Amino acid sequence: MKNLFVALMTVVAVGMAGLSMAAVEKGMITLKAGDKINVCGCGAGCPCETMSRKEGKCTCNKDLVKATVTKVEEGKVIVMVNGKEQAFKTTGKFQCACGPKCDCDTISQKPGKCACGKALEEVK
């Protein structure tokens, strides 16, 4: 019975790790209205559209600013940044390369460094 329990827990753990890796591999970040996120503070028209769950710098090398998700739409989120709404894509061309245990979930439309300080990798 104990061996069956251990085997089932191993299957669950491996499955969950696989789900995490799949999300990272796709360069997607999943958000809902009310979530707090850190985004590039350059304003509308900024080409990097960097988002991260952690504080840090965006790929423009400016500080990420705290924002609140106000609306989720197909392929994008609307966030409140400094009192103004701004749209960000939820799928990045680049993502954090830290792997499945990384919790920064940094994505960007431009290459650079993630909030963890590691290089972003191109999403394939």
PDB file of N, CA and C in Angstrom:
ATOM      1  N   MET A   1       0.827  -1.191   0.000  1.00  0.00           N
ATOM      2  CA  MET A   1       0.000   0.000   0.000  1.00  0.00           C
ATOM      3  C   MET A   1       0.869   1.251   0.000  1.00  0.00           C
ATOM      4  N   LYS A   2       1.933   1.220   0.823  1.00  0.00           N
ATOM      5  CA  LYS A   2       2.829   2.377   0.899  1.00  0.00           C
ATOM      6  C   LYS A   2       3.503   2.619  -0.450  1.00  0.00           C
ATOM      7  N   ASN A   3       3.918   1.547  -1.137  1.00  0.00           N
ATOM      8  CA  ASN A   3       4.558   1.687  -2.446  1.00  0.00           C
ATOM      9  C   ASN A   3       3.604   2.280  -3.473  1.00  0.00           C
ATOM     10  N   LEU A   4       2.336   1.908  -3.401  1.00  0.00           N
ATOM     11  CA  LEU A   4       1.341   2.456  -4.310  1.00  0.00           C
ATOM     12  C   LEU A   4       1.176   3.950  -4.070  1.00  0.00           C
ATOM     13  N   PHE A   5       1.128   4.351  -2.809  1.00  0.00           N
ATOM     14  CA  PHE A   5       1.005   5.759  -2.454  1.00  0.00           C
ATOM     15  C   PHE A   5       2.206   6.555  -2.983  1.00  0.00           C
ATOM     16  N   VAL A   6       3.408   6.057  -2.769  1.00  0.00           N
ATOM     17  CA  VAL A   6       4.629   6.719  -3.238  1.00  0.00           C
ATOM     18  C   VAL A   6       4.609   6.828  -4.764  1.00  0.00           C
ATOM     19  N   ALA A   7       4.196   5.765  -5.443  1.00  0.00           N
ATOM     20  CA  ALA A   7       4.129   5.783  -6.900  1.00  0.00           C
ATOM     21  C   ALA A   7       3.127   6.823  -7.389  1.00  0.00           C
ATOM     22  N   LEU A   8       1.962   6.895  -6.759  1.00  0.00           N
ATOM     23  CA  LEU A   8       0.957   7.886  -7.154  1.00  0.00           C
ATOM     24  C   LEU A   8       1.451   9.310  -6.915  1.00  0.00           C
ATOM     25  N   MET A   9       2.102   9.552  -5.797  1.00  0.00           N
ATOM     26  CA  MET A   9       2.623  10.888  -5.502  1.00  0.00           C
ATOM     27  C   MET A   9       3.710  11.282  -6.504  1.00  0.00           C
ATOM     28  N   THR A  10       4.516  10.317  -6.920  1.00  0.00           N
ATOM     29  CA  THR A  10       5.556  10.588  -7.914  1.00  0.00           C
ATOM     30  C   THR A  10       4.920  10.978  -9.242  1.00  0.00           C
ATOM     31  N   VAL A  11       3.890  10.256  -9.651  1.00  0.00           N
ATOM     32  CA  VAL A  11       3.193  10.563 -10.895  1.00  0.00           C
ATOM     33  C   VAL A  11       2.596  11.970 -10.827  1.00  0.00           C
ATOM     34  N   VAL A  12       1.967  12.322  -9.709  1.00  0.00           N
ATOM     35  CA  VAL A  12       1.382  13.653  -9.547  1.00  0.00           C
ATOM     36  C   VAL A  12       2.463  14.721  -9.611  1.00  0.00           C
ATOM     37  N   ALA A  13       3.574  14.525  -8.914  1.00  0.00           N
ATOM     38  CA  ALA A  13       4.668  15.509  -8.894  1.00  0.00           C
ATOM     39  C   ALA A  13       5.251  15.705 -10.292  1.00  0.00           C
ATOM     40  N   VAL A  14       5.496  14.618 -10.997  1.00  0.00           N
ATOM     41  CA  VAL A  14       6.043  14.710 -12.349  1.00  0.00           C
ATOM     42  C   VAL A  14       5.049  15.403 -13.274  1.00  0.00           C
ATOM     43  N   GLY A  15       3.784  15.079 -13.133  1.00  0.00           N
ATOM     44  CA  GLY A  15       2.755  15.716 -13.952  1.00  0.00           C
ATOM     45  C   GLY A  15       2.679  17.210 -13.710  1.00  0.00           C
ATOM     46  N   MET A  16       2.742  17.624 -12.452  1.00  0.00           N
ATOM     47  CA  MET A  16       2.692  19.045 -12.131  1.00  0.00           C
ATOM     48  C   MET A  16       3.939  19.760 -12.648  1.00  0.00           C
ATOM     49  N   ALA A  17       5.093  19.147 -12.547  1.00  0.00           N
ATOM     50  CA  ALA A  17       6.316  19.743 -13.081  1.00  0.00           C
ATOM     51  C   ALA A  17       6.198  19.901 -14.592  1.00  0.00           C
ATOM     52  N   GLY A  18       5.614  18.916 -15.238  1.00  0.00           N
ATOM     53  CA  GLY A  18       5.408  18.994 -16.685  1.00  0.00           C
ATOM     54  C   GLY A  18       4.486  20.133 -17.065  1.00  0.00           C
ATOM     55  N   LEU A  19       3.433  20.358 -16.270  1.00  0.00           N
ATOM     56  CA  LEU A  19       2.530  21.474 -16.546  1.00  0.00           C
ATOM     57  C   LEU A  19       3.251  22.794 -16.395  1.00  0.00           C
ATOM     58  N   SER A  20       4.071  22.924 -15.369  1.00  0.00           N
ATOM     59  CA  SER A  20       4.827  24.155 -15.167  1.00  0.00           C
ATOM     60  C   SER A  20       5.760  24.400 -16.341  1.00  0.00           C
ATOM     61  N   MET A  21       6.448  23.359 -16.767  1.00  0.00           N
ATOM     62  CA  MET A  21       7.383  23.505 -17.871  1.00  0.00           C
ATOM     63  C   MET A  21       6.646  23.872 -19.147  1.00  0.00           C
ATOM     64  N   ALA A  22       5.463  23.295 -19.358  1.00  0.00           N
ATOM     65  CA  ALA A  22       4.710  23.605 -20.565  1.00  0.00           C
ATOM     66  C   ALA A  22       4.333  25.073 -20.596  1.00  0.00           C
ATOM     67  N   ALA A  23       3.934  25.631 -19.451  1.00  0.00           N
ATOM     68  CA  ALA A  23       3.565  27.044 -19.402  1.00  0.00           C
ATOM     69  C   ALA A  23       4.782  27.913 -19.680  1.00  0.00           C
ATOM     70  N   VAL A  24       5.929  27.553 -19.106  1.00  0.00           N
ATOM     71  CA  VAL A  24       7.154  28.310 -19.324  1.00  0.00           C
ATOM     72  C   VAL A  24       7.581  28.206 -20.781  1.00  0.00           C
ATOM     73  N   GLU A  25       7.484  27.037 -21.362  1.00  0.00           N
ATOM     74  CA  GLU A  25       7.897  26.835 -22.746  1.00  0.00           C
ATOM     75  C   GLU A  25       7.064  27.646 -23.722  1.00  0.00           C
ATOM     76  N   LYS A  26       5.853  27.919 -23.383  1.00  0.00           N
ATOM     77  CA  LYS A  26       4.971  28.665 -24.283  1.00  0.00           C
ATOM     78  C   LYS A  26       5.115  30.173 -24.132  1.00  0.00           C
ATOM     79  N   GLY A  27       5.860  30.614 -23.133  1.00  0.00           N
ATOM     80  CA  GLY A  27       6.043  32.044 -22.945  1.00  0.00           C
ATOM     81  C   GLY A  27       4.794  32.764 -22.488  1.00  0.00           C
ATOM     82  N   MET A  28       3.863  32.027 -21.896  1.00  0.00           N
ATOM     83  CA  MET A  28       2.591  32.608 -21.464  1.00  0.00           C
ATOM     84  C   MET A  28       2.583  32.900 -19.981  1.00  0.00           C
ATOM     85  N   ILE A  29       1.861  33.949 -19.626  1.00  0.00           N
ATOM     86  CA  ILE A  29       1.600  34.253 -18.233  1.00  0.00           C
ATOM     87  C   ILE A  29       0.088  34.285 -18.067  1.00  0.00           C
ATOM     88  N   THR A  30      -0.405  33.623 -17.047  1.00  0.00           N
ATOM     89  CA  THR A  30      -1.836  33.565 -16.796  1.00  0.00           C
ATOM     90  C   THR A  30      -2.178  34.523 -15.663  1.00  0.00           C
ATOM     91  N   LEU A  31      -3.077  35.445 -15.947  1.00  0.00           N
ATOM     92  CA  LEU A  31      -3.484  36.453 -14.967  1.00  0.00           C
ATOM     93  C   LEU A  31      -4.993  36.571 -14.950  1.00  0.00           C
ATOM     94  N   LYS A  32      -5.505  37.128 -13.849  1.00  0.00           N
ATOM     95  CA  LYS A  32      -6.937  37.398 -13.756  1.00  0.00           C
ATOM     96  C   LYS A  32      -7.119  38.801 -13.190  1.00  0.00           C
ATOM     97  N   ALA A  33      -8.297  39.356 -13.375  1.00  0.00           N
ATOM     98  CA  ALA A  33      -8.587  40.693 -12.862  1.00  0.00           C
ATOM     99  C   ALA A  33      -8.313  40.743 -11.365  1.00  0.00           C
ATOM    100  N   GLY A  34      -7.637  41.804 -10.931  1.00  0.00           N
ATOM    101  CA  GLY A  34      -7.289  41.973  -9.534  1.00  0.00           C
ATOM    102  C   GLY A  34      -5.879  41.540  -9.193  1.00  0.00           C
ATOM    103  N   ASP A  35      -5.236  40.744 -10.067  1.00  0.00           N
ATOM    104  CA  ASP A  35      -3.865  40.309  -9.821  1.00  0.00           C
ATOM    105  C   ASP A  35      -2.914  41.502  -9.825  1.00  0.00           C
ATOM    106  N   LYS A  36      -1.890  41.409  -8.984  1.00  0.00           N
ATOM    107  CA  LYS A  36      -0.815  42.401  -8.958  1.00  0.00           C
ATOM    108  C   LYS A  36       0.314  41.865  -9.825  1.00  0.00           C
ATOM    109  N   ILE A  37       0.889  42.723 -10.644  1.00  0.00           N
ATOM    110  CA  ILE A  37       1.949  42.334 -11.560  1.00  0.00           C
ATOM    111  C   ILE A  37       2.905  43.516 -11.701  1.00  0.00           C
ATOM    112  N   ASN A  38       4.121  43.253 -12.083  1.00  0.00           N
ATOM    113  CA  ASN A  38       5.095  44.310 -12.351  1.00  0.00           C
ATOM    114  C   ASN A  38       5.253  44.428 -13.856  1.00  0.00           C
ATOM    115  N   VAL A  39       5.163  45.650 -14.369  1.00  0.00           N
ATOM    116  CA  VAL A  39       5.197  45.874 -15.813  1.00  0.00           C
ATOM    117  C   VAL A  39       6.159  47.004 -16.160  1.00  0.00           C
ATOM    118  N   CYS A  40       6.540  47.043 -17.424  1.00  0.00           N
ATOM    119  CA  CYS A  40       7.355  48.143 -17.920  1.00  0.00           C
ATOM    120  C   CYS A  40       6.561  49.427 -17.763  1.00  0.00           C
ATOM    121  N   GLY A  41       7.172  50.445 -17.206  1.00  0.00           N
ATOM    122  CA  GLY A  41       6.496  51.706 -16.946  1.00  0.00           C
ATOM    123  C   GLY A  41       6.716  52.758 -18.017  1.00  0.00           C
ATOM    124  N   CYS A  42       7.232  52.361 -19.176  1.00  0.00           N
ATOM    125  CA  CYS A  42       7.512  53.338 -20.235  1.00  0.00           C
ATOM    126  C   CYS A  42       6.239  53.971 -20.807  1.00  0.00           C
ATOM    127  N   GLY A  43       5.118  53.284 -20.691  1.00  0.00           N
ATOM    128  CA  GLY A  43       3.861  53.807 -21.218  1.00  0.00           C
ATOM    129  C   GLY A  43       3.471  53.147 -22.520  1.00  0.00           C
ATOM    130  N   ALA A  44       2.315  53.549 -23.012  1.00  0.00           N
ATOM    131  CA  ALA A  44       1.786  52.987 -24.262  1.00  0.00           C
ATOM    132  C   ALA A  44       2.795  53.209 -25.388  1.00  0.00           C
ATOM    133  N   GLY A  45       2.926  52.231 -26.227  1.00  0.00           N
ATOM    134  CA  GLY A  45       3.842  52.327 -27.350  1.00  0.00           C
ATOM    135  C   GLY A  45       5.220  51.750 -27.074  1.00  0.00           C
ATOM    136  N   CYS A  46       5.503  51.389 -25.835  1.00  0.00           N
ATOM    137  CA  CYS A  46       6.791  50.776 -25.522  1.00  0.00           C
ATOM    138  C   CYS A  46       6.840  49.400 -26.177  1.00  0.00           C
ATOM    139  N   PRO A  47       7.879  49.106 -26.935  1.00  0.00           N
ATOM    140  CA  PRO A  47       7.921  47.829 -27.656  1.00  0.00           C
ATOM    141  C   PRO A  47       8.260  46.608 -26.809  1.00  0.00           C
ATOM    142  N   CYS A  48       8.750  46.788 -25.569  1.00  0.00           N
ATOM    143  CA  CYS A  48       9.175  45.599 -24.815  1.00  0.00           C
ATOM    144  C   CYS A  48       8.009  44.900 -24.126  1.00  0.00           C
ATOM    145  N   GLU A  49       7.025  45.625 -23.646  1.00  0.00           N
ATOM    146  CA  GLU A  49       5.867  45.049 -22.950  1.00  0.00           C
ATOM    147  C   GLU A  49       6.283  43.995 -21.928  1.00  0.00           C
ATOM    148  N   THR A  50       7.322  44.282 -21.156  1.00  0.00           N
ATOM    149  CA  THR A  50       7.809  43.336 -20.156  1.00  0.00           C
ATOM    150  C   THR A  50       6.849  43.249 -18.979  1.00  0.00           C
ATOM    151  N   MET A  51       6.557  42.011 -18.529  1.00  0.00           N
ATOM    152  CA  MET A  51       5.747  41.754 -17.339  1.00  0.00           C
ATOM    153  C   MET A  51       6.460  40.716 -16.494  1.00  0.00           C
ATOM    154  N   SER A  52       6.331  40.851 -15.163  1.00  0.00           N
ATOM    155  CA  SER A  52       6.956  39.908 -14.251  1.00  0.00           C
ATOM    156  C   SER A  52       6.198  39.876 -12.935  1.00  0.00           C
ATOM    157  N   ARG A  53       6.222  38.728 -12.279  1.00  0.00           N
ATOM    158  CA  ARG A  53       5.634  38.634 -10.950  1.00  0.00           C
ATOM    159  C   ARG A  53       6.574  39.211  -9.886  1.00  0.00           C
ATOM    160  N   LYS A  54       7.829  39.440 -10.255  1.00  0.00           N
ATOM    161  CA  LYS A  54       8.806  39.990  -9.316  1.00  0.00           C
ATOM    162  C   LYS A  54       9.204  41.400  -9.743  1.00  0.00           C
ATOM    163  N   GLU A  55       9.699  42.163  -8.757  1.00  0.00           N
ATOM    164  CA  GLU A  55      10.235  43.484  -9.052  1.00  0.00           C
ATOM    165  C   GLU A  55      11.566  43.321  -9.771  1.00  0.00           C
ATOM    166  N   GLY A  56      11.935  44.312 -10.543  1.00  0.00           N
ATOM    167  CA  GLY A  56      13.209  44.268 -11.246  1.00  0.00           C
ATOM    168  C   GLY A  56      13.241  45.311 -12.333  1.00  0.00           C
ATOM    169  N   LYS A  57      14.026  45.049 -13.355  1.00  0.00           N
ATOM    170  CA  LYS A  57      14.160  45.948 -14.497  1.00  0.00           C
ATOM    171  C   LYS A  57      13.491  45.318 -15.707  1.00  0.00           C
ATOM    172  N   CYS A  58      12.974  46.164 -16.571  1.00  0.00           N
ATOM    173  CA  CYS A  58      12.425  45.650 -17.828  1.00  0.00           C
ATOM    174  C   CYS A  58      13.550  45.573 -18.846  1.00  0.00           C
ATOM    175  N   THR A  59      13.263  45.077 -20.024  1.00  0.00           N
ATOM    176  CA  THR A  59      14.302  44.933 -21.032  1.00  0.00           C
ATOM    177  C   THR A  59      14.737  46.294 -21.579  1.00  0.00           C
ATOM    178  N   CYS A  60      14.003  47.350 -21.267  1.00  0.00           N
ATOM    179  CA  CYS A  60      14.415  48.726 -21.604  1.00  0.00           C
ATOM    180  C   CYS A  60      15.417  49.255 -20.576  1.00  0.00           C
ATOM    181  N   ASN A  61      15.674  48.441 -19.540  1.00  0.00           N
ATOM    182  CA  ASN A  61      16.555  48.771 -18.420  1.00  0.00           C
ATOM    183  C   ASN A  61      15.960  49.834 -17.492  1.00  0.00           C
ATOM    184  N   LYS A  62      14.646  49.970 -17.494  1.00  0.00           N
ATOM    185  CA  LYS A  62      13.971  50.851 -16.548  1.00  0.00           C
ATOM    186  C   LYS A  62      13.331  49.974 -15.480  1.00  0.00           C
ATOM    187  N   ASP A  63      13.041  50.560 -14.341  1.00  0.00           N
ATOM    188  CA  ASP A  63      12.403  49.794 -13.273  1.00  0.00           C
ATOM    189  C   ASP A  63      11.012  49.346 -13.693  1.00  0.00           C
ATOM    190  N   LEU A  64      10.683  48.085 -13.361  1.00  0.00           N
ATOM    191  CA  LEU A  64       9.307  47.625 -13.516  1.00  0.00           C
ATOM    192  C   LEU A  64       8.471  48.335 -12.461  1.00  0.00           C
ATOM    193  N   VAL A  65       7.221  48.647 -12.799  1.00  0.00           N
ATOM    194  CA  VAL A  65       6.337  49.322 -11.853  1.00  0.00           C
ATOM    195  C   VAL A  65       5.185  48.394 -11.492  1.00  0.00           C
ATOM    196  N   LYS A  66       4.687  48.556 -10.281  1.00  0.00           N
ATOM    197  CA  LYS A  66       3.562  47.739  -9.818  1.00  0.00           C
ATOM    198  C   LYS A  66       2.303  48.157 -10.562  1.00  0.00           C
ATOM    199  N   ALA A  67       1.514  47.152 -10.922  1.00  0.00           N
ATOM    200  CA  ALA A  67       0.270  47.397 -11.647  1.00  0.00           C
ATOM    201  C   ALA A  67      -0.771  46.385 -11.190  1.00  0.00           C
ATOM    202  N   THR A  68      -2.024  46.715 -11.443  1.00  0.00           N
ATOM    203  CA  THR A  68      -3.134  45.825 -11.121  1.00  0.00           C
ATOM    204  C   THR A  68      -3.875  45.489 -12.403  1.00  0.00           C
ATOM    205  N   VAL A  69      -4.123  44.197 -12.613  1.00  0.00           N
ATOM    206  CA  VAL A  69      -4.880  43.752 -13.788  1.00  0.00           C
ATOM    207  C   VAL A  69      -6.331  44.185 -13.608  1.00  0.00           C
ATOM    208  N   THR A  70      -6.849  44.934 -14.580  1.00  0.00           N
ATOM    209  CA  THR A  70      -8.243  45.376 -14.515  1.00  0.00           C
ATOM    210  C   THR A  70      -9.155  44.550 -15.412  1.00  0.00           C
ATOM    211  N   LYS A  71      -8.575  43.985 -16.489  1.00  0.00           N
ATOM    212  CA  LYS A  71      -9.392  43.211 -17.416  1.00  0.00           C
ATOM    213  C   LYS A  71      -8.511  42.214 -18.160  1.00  0.00           C
ATOM    214  N   VAL A  72      -9.073  41.044 -18.451  1.00  0.00           N
ATOM    215  CA  VAL A  72      -8.369  40.022 -19.226  1.00  0.00           C
ATOM    216  C   VAL A  72      -9.134  39.815 -20.520  1.00  0.00           C
ATOM    217  N   GLU A  73      -8.439  39.898 -21.636  1.00  0.00           N
ATOM    218  CA  GLU A  73      -9.027  39.684 -22.957  1.00  0.00           C
ATOM    219  C   GLU A  73      -8.221  38.614 -23.681  1.00  0.00           C
ATOM    220  N   GLU A  74      -8.664  38.231 -24.843  1.00  0.00           N
ATOM    221  CA  GLU A  74      -7.978  37.221 -25.643  1.00  0.00           C
ATOM    222  C   GLU A  74      -6.555  37.682 -25.962  1.00  0.00           C
ATOM    223  N   GLY A  75      -5.555  37.008 -25.384  1.00  0.00           N
ATOM    224  CA  GLY A  75      -4.166  37.296 -25.686  1.00  0.00           C
ATOM    225  C   GLY A  75      -3.580  38.539 -25.044  1.00  0.00           C
ATOM    226  N   LYS A  76      -4.347  39.213 -24.185  1.00  0.00           N
ATOM    227  CA  LYS A  76      -3.791  40.399 -23.533  1.00  0.00           C
ATOM    228  C   LYS A  76      -4.496  40.685 -22.218  1.00  0.00           C
ATOM    229  N   VAL A  77      -3.850  41.503 -21.422  1.00  0.00           N
ATOM    230  CA  VAL A  77      -4.445  41.991 -20.185  1.00  0.00           C
ATOM    231  C   VAL A  77      -4.396  43.515 -20.215  1.00  0.00           C
ATOM    232  N   ILE A  78      -5.352  44.116 -19.548  1.00  0.00           N
ATOM    233  CA  ILE A  78      -5.364  45.556 -19.362  1.00  0.00           C
ATOM    234  C   ILE A  78      -4.975  45.778 -17.900  1.00  0.00           C
ATOM    235  N   VAL A  79      -3.967  46.611 -17.686  1.00  0.00           N
ATOM    236  CA  VAL A  79      -3.497  46.879 -16.326  1.00  0.00           C
ATOM    237  C   VAL A  79      -3.581  48.372 -16.043  1.00  0.00           C
ATOM    238  N   MET A  80      -3.709  48.691 -14.777  1.00  0.00           N
ATOM    239  CA  MET A  80      -3.707  50.073 -14.335  1.00  0.00           C
ATOM    240  C   MET A  80      -2.282  50.410 -13.913  1.00  0.00           C
ATOM    241  N   VAL A  81      -1.658  51.333 -14.658  1.00  0.00           N
ATOM    242  CA  VAL A  81      -0.285  51.759 -14.387  1.00  0.00           C
ATOM    243  C   VAL A  81      -0.293  53.266 -14.158  1.00  0.00           C
ATOM    244  N   ASN A  82       0.089  53.670 -12.964  1.00  0.00           N
ATOM    245  CA  ASN A  82       0.142  55.098 -12.636  1.00  0.00           C
ATOM    246  C   ASN A  82      -1.165  55.819 -12.995  1.00  0.00           C
ATOM    247  N   GLY A  83      -2.285  55.177 -12.701  1.00  0.00           N
ATOM    248  CA  GLY A  83      -3.590  55.792 -12.932  1.00  0.00           C
ATOM    249  C   GLY A  83      -4.107  55.712 -14.356  1.00  0.00           C
ATOM    250  N   LYS A  84      -3.375  55.036 -15.245  1.00  0.00           N
ATOM    251  CA  LYS A  84      -3.801  54.910 -16.645  1.00  0.00           C
ATOM    252  C   LYS A  84      -3.856  53.444 -17.032  1.00  0.00           C
ATOM    253  N   GLU A  85      -4.842  53.096 -17.872  1.00  0.00           N
ATOM    254  CA  GLU A  85      -4.933  51.721 -18.360  1.00  0.00           C
ATOM    255  C   GLU A  85      -3.966  51.523 -19.520  1.00  0.00           C
ATOM    256  N   GLN A  86      -3.359  50.337 -19.550  1.00  0.00           N
ATOM    257  CA  GLN A  86      -2.420  49.994 -20.610  1.00  0.00           C
ATOM    258  C   GLN A  86      -2.560  48.512 -20.913  1.00  0.00           C
ATOM    259  N   ALA A  87      -2.477  48.146 -22.184  1.00  0.00           N
ATOM    260  CA  ALA A  87      -2.598  46.753 -22.601  1.00  0.00           C
ATOM    261  C   ALA A  87      -1.214  46.113 -22.719  1.00  0.00           C
ATOM    262  N   PHE A  88      -1.117  44.854 -22.299  1.00  0.00           N
ATOM    263  CA  PHE A  88       0.098  44.058 -22.427  1.00  0.00           C
ATOM    264  C   PHE A  88      -0.269  42.695 -22.983  1.00  0.00           C
ATOM    265  N   LYS A  89       0.542  42.177 -23.912  1.00  0.00           N
ATOM    266  CA  LYS A  89       0.337  40.825 -24.432  1.00  0.00           C
ATOM    267  C   LYS A  89       0.644  39.824 -23.327  1.00  0.00           C
ATOM    268  N   THR A  90      -0.120  38.731 -23.275  1.00  0.00           N
ATOM    269  CA  THR A  90       0.107  37.696 -22.267  1.00  0.00           C
ATOM    270  C   THR A  90       1.034  36.583 -22.755  1.00  0.00           C
ATOM    271  N   THR A  91       1.452  36.647 -24.008  1.00  0.00           N
ATOM    272  CA  THR A  91       2.429  35.708 -24.532  1.00  0.00           C
ATOM    273  C   THR A  91       3.626  36.507 -25.005  1.00  0.00           C
ATOM    274  N   GLY A  92       4.779  36.209 -24.436  1.00  0.00           N
ATOM    275  CA  GLY A  92       5.989  36.932 -24.807  1.00  0.00           C
ATOM    276  C   GLY A  92       6.771  36.225 -25.894  1.00  0.00           C
ATOM    277  N   LYS A  93       7.535  37.001 -26.641  1.00  0.00           N
ATOM    278  CA  LYS A  93       8.470  36.424 -27.603  1.00  0.00           C
ATOM    279  C   LYS A  93       9.696  35.896 -26.864  1.00  0.00           C
ATOM    280  N   PHE A  94       9.892  36.421 -25.635  1.00  0.00           N
ATOM    281  CA  PHE A  94      11.002  35.999 -24.785  1.00  0.00           C
ATOM    282  C   PHE A  94      10.458  35.704 -23.394  1.00  0.00           C
ATOM    283  N   GLN A  95      11.122  34.768 -22.688  1.00  0.00           N
ATOM    284  CA  GLN A  95      10.674  34.353 -21.358  1.00  0.00           C
ATOM    285  C   GLN A  95      11.879  34.111 -20.470  1.00  0.00           C
ATOM    286  N   CYS A  96      11.624  34.074 -19.172  1.00  0.00           N
ATOM    287  CA  CYS A  96      12.676  33.775 -18.212  1.00  0.00           C
ATOM    288  C   CYS A  96      13.206  32.367 -18.476  1.00  0.00           C
ATOM    289  N   ALA A  97      14.515  32.215 -18.404  1.00  0.00           N
ATOM    290  CA  ALA A  97      15.149  30.927 -18.673  1.00  0.00           C
ATOM    291  C   ALA A  97      15.480  30.156 -17.397  1.00  0.00           C
ATOM    292  N   CYS A  98      14.894  30.547 -16.273  1.00  0.00           N
ATOM    293  CA  CYS A  98      15.222  29.910 -14.990  1.00  0.00           C
ATOM    294  C   CYS A  98      14.679  28.496 -14.850  1.00  0.00           C
ATOM    295  N   GLY A  99      13.712  28.115 -15.651  1.00  0.00           N
ATOM    296  CA  GLY A  99      13.174  26.773 -15.571  1.00  0.00           C
ATOM    297  C   GLY A  99      11.898  26.690 -14.761  1.00  0.00           C
ATOM    298  N   PRO A 100      11.399  25.474 -14.534  1.00  0.00           N
ATOM    299  CA  PRO A 100      10.085  25.287 -13.925  1.00  0.00           C
ATOM    300  C   PRO A 100       9.974  25.744 -12.471  1.00  0.00           C
ATOM    301  N   LYS A 101      11.086  25.869 -11.752  1.00  0.00           N
ATOM    302  CA  LYS A 101      11.010  26.299 -10.357  1.00  0.00           C
ATOM    303  C   LYS A 101      11.043  27.816 -10.213  1.00  0.00           C
ATOM    304  N   CYS A 102      11.255  28.527 -11.297  1.00  0.00           N
ATOM    305  CA  CYS A 102      11.334  29.983 -11.264  1.00  0.00           C
ATOM    306  C   CYS A 102       9.945  30.552 -10.982  1.00  0.00           C
ATOM    307  N   ASP A 103       9.887  31.558 -10.136  1.00  0.00           N
ATOM    308  CA  ASP A 103       8.587  32.150  -9.819  1.00  0.00           C
ATOM    309  C   ASP A 103       8.453  33.596 -10.277  1.00  0.00           C
ATOM    310  N   CYS A 104       9.369  34.053 -11.135  1.00  0.00           N
ATOM    311  CA  CYS A 104       9.250  35.440 -11.595  1.00  0.00           C
ATOM    312  C   CYS A 104       8.311  35.558 -12.792  1.00  0.00           C
ATOM    313  N   ASP A 105       8.196  34.507 -13.590  1.00  0.00           N
ATOM    314  CA  ASP A 105       7.307  34.497 -14.760  1.00  0.00           C
ATOM    315  C   ASP A 105       7.499  35.715 -15.654  1.00  0.00           C
ATOM    316  N   THR A 106       8.739  36.112 -15.876  1.00  0.00           N
ATOM    317  CA  THR A 106       9.002  37.274 -16.719  1.00  0.00           C
ATOM    318  C   THR A 106       8.821  36.910 -18.184  1.00  0.00           C
ATOM    319  N   ILE A 107       8.054  37.749 -18.899  1.00  0.00           N
ATOM    320  CA  ILE A 107       7.915  37.635 -20.350  1.00  0.00           C
ATOM    321  C   ILE A 107       8.153  39.016 -20.942  1.00  0.00           C
ATOM    322  N   SER A 108       8.594  39.042 -22.196  1.00  0.00           N
ATOM    323  CA  SER A 108       8.859  40.301 -22.875  1.00  0.00           C
ATOM    324  C   SER A 108       8.753  40.098 -24.381  1.00  0.00           C
ATOM    325  N   GLN A 109       8.553  41.188 -25.079  1.00  0.00           N
ATOM    326  CA  GLN A 109       8.543  41.151 -26.538  1.00  0.00           C
ATOM    327  C   GLN A 109       9.932  41.433 -27.094  1.00  0.00           C
ATOM    328  N   LYS A 110      10.866  41.816 -26.215  1.00  0.00           N
ATOM    329  CA  LYS A 110      12.240  42.134 -26.611  1.00  0.00           C
ATOM    330  C   LYS A 110      13.226  41.312 -25.778  1.00  0.00           C
ATOM    331  N   PRO A 111      14.412  41.011 -26.322  1.00  0.00           N
ATOM    332  CA  PRO A 111      15.412  40.277 -25.549  1.00  0.00           C
ATOM    333  C   PRO A 111      15.996  41.158 -24.450  1.00  0.00           C
ATOM    334  N   GLY A 112      16.569  40.523 -23.462  1.00  0.00           N
ATOM    335  CA  GLY A 112      17.192  41.239 -22.354  1.00  0.00           C
ATOM    336  C   GLY A 112      17.313  40.322 -21.162  1.00  0.00           C
ATOM    337  N   LYS A 113      17.249  40.893 -19.976  1.00  0.00           N
ATOM    338  CA  LYS A 113      17.348  40.119 -18.736  1.00  0.00           C
ATOM    339  C   LYS A 113      15.987  40.066 -18.053  1.00  0.00           C
ATOM    340  N   CYS A 114      15.746  38.954 -17.348  1.00  0.00           N
ATOM    341  CA  CYS A 114      14.497  38.821 -16.601  1.00  0.00           C
ATOM    342  C   CYS A 114      14.661  39.450 -15.223  1.00  0.00           C
ATOM    343  N   ALA A 115      13.591  39.497 -14.454  1.00  0.00           N
ATOM    344  CA  ALA A 115      13.625  40.071 -13.111  1.00  0.00           C
ATOM    345  C   ALA A 115      14.588  39.318 -12.206  1.00  0.00           C
ATOM    346  N   CYS A 116      14.875  38.042 -12.509  1.00  0.00           N
ATOM    347  CA  CYS A 116      15.839  37.241 -11.743  1.00  0.00           C
ATOM    348  C   CYS A 116      17.280  37.619 -12.080  1.00  0.00           C
ATOM    349  N   GLY A 117      17.460  38.383 -13.158  1.00  0.00           N
ATOM    350  CA  GLY A 117      18.792  38.776 -13.581  1.00  0.00           C
ATOM    351  C   GLY A 117      19.402  37.865 -14.627  1.00  0.00           C
ATOM    352  N   LYS A 118      18.705  36.789 -14.968  1.00  0.00           N
ATOM    353  CA  LYS A 118      19.208  35.878 -16.000  1.00  0.00           C
ATOM    354  C   LYS A 118      18.730  36.358 -17.368  1.00  0.00           C
ATOM    355  N   ALA A 119      19.387  35.895 -18.394  1.00  0.00           N
ATOM    356  CA  ALA A 119      18.999  36.260 -19.765  1.00  0.00           C
ATOM    357  C   ALA A 119      17.652  35.654 -20.106  1.00  0.00           C
ATOM    358  N   LEU A 120      16.828  36.417 -20.815  1.00  0.00           N
ATOM    359  CA  LEU A 120      15.574  35.875 -21.342  1.00  0.00           C
ATOM    360  C   LEU A 120      15.913  34.993 -22.530  1.00  0.00           C
ATOM    361  N   GLU A 121      15.115  33.931 -22.719  1.00  0.00           N
ATOM    362  CA  GLU A 121      15.326  33.066 -23.870  1.00  0.00           C
ATOM    363  C   GLU A 121      14.168  33.249 -24.843  1.00  0.00           C
ATOM    364  N   GLU A 122      14.482  33.063 -26.124  1.00  0.00           N
ATOM    365  CA  GLU A 122      13.454  33.204 -27.145  1.00  0.00           C
ATOM    366  C   GLU A 122      12.472  32.044 -27.035  1.00  0.00           C
ATOM    367  N   VAL A 123      11.185  32.359 -27.125  1.00  0.00           N
ATOM    368  CA  VAL A 123      10.140  31.336 -27.085  1.00  0.00           C
ATOM    369  C   VAL A 123      10.094  30.664 -28.445  1.00  0.00           C
ATOM    370  N   LYS A 124      10.116  29.329 -28.426  1.00  0.00           N
ATOM    371  CA  LYS A 124      10.084  28.587 -29.691  1.00  0.00           C
ATOM    372  C   LYS A 124       8.828  27.796 -29.814  1.00  0.00           C
TER     373      LYS A 124
END
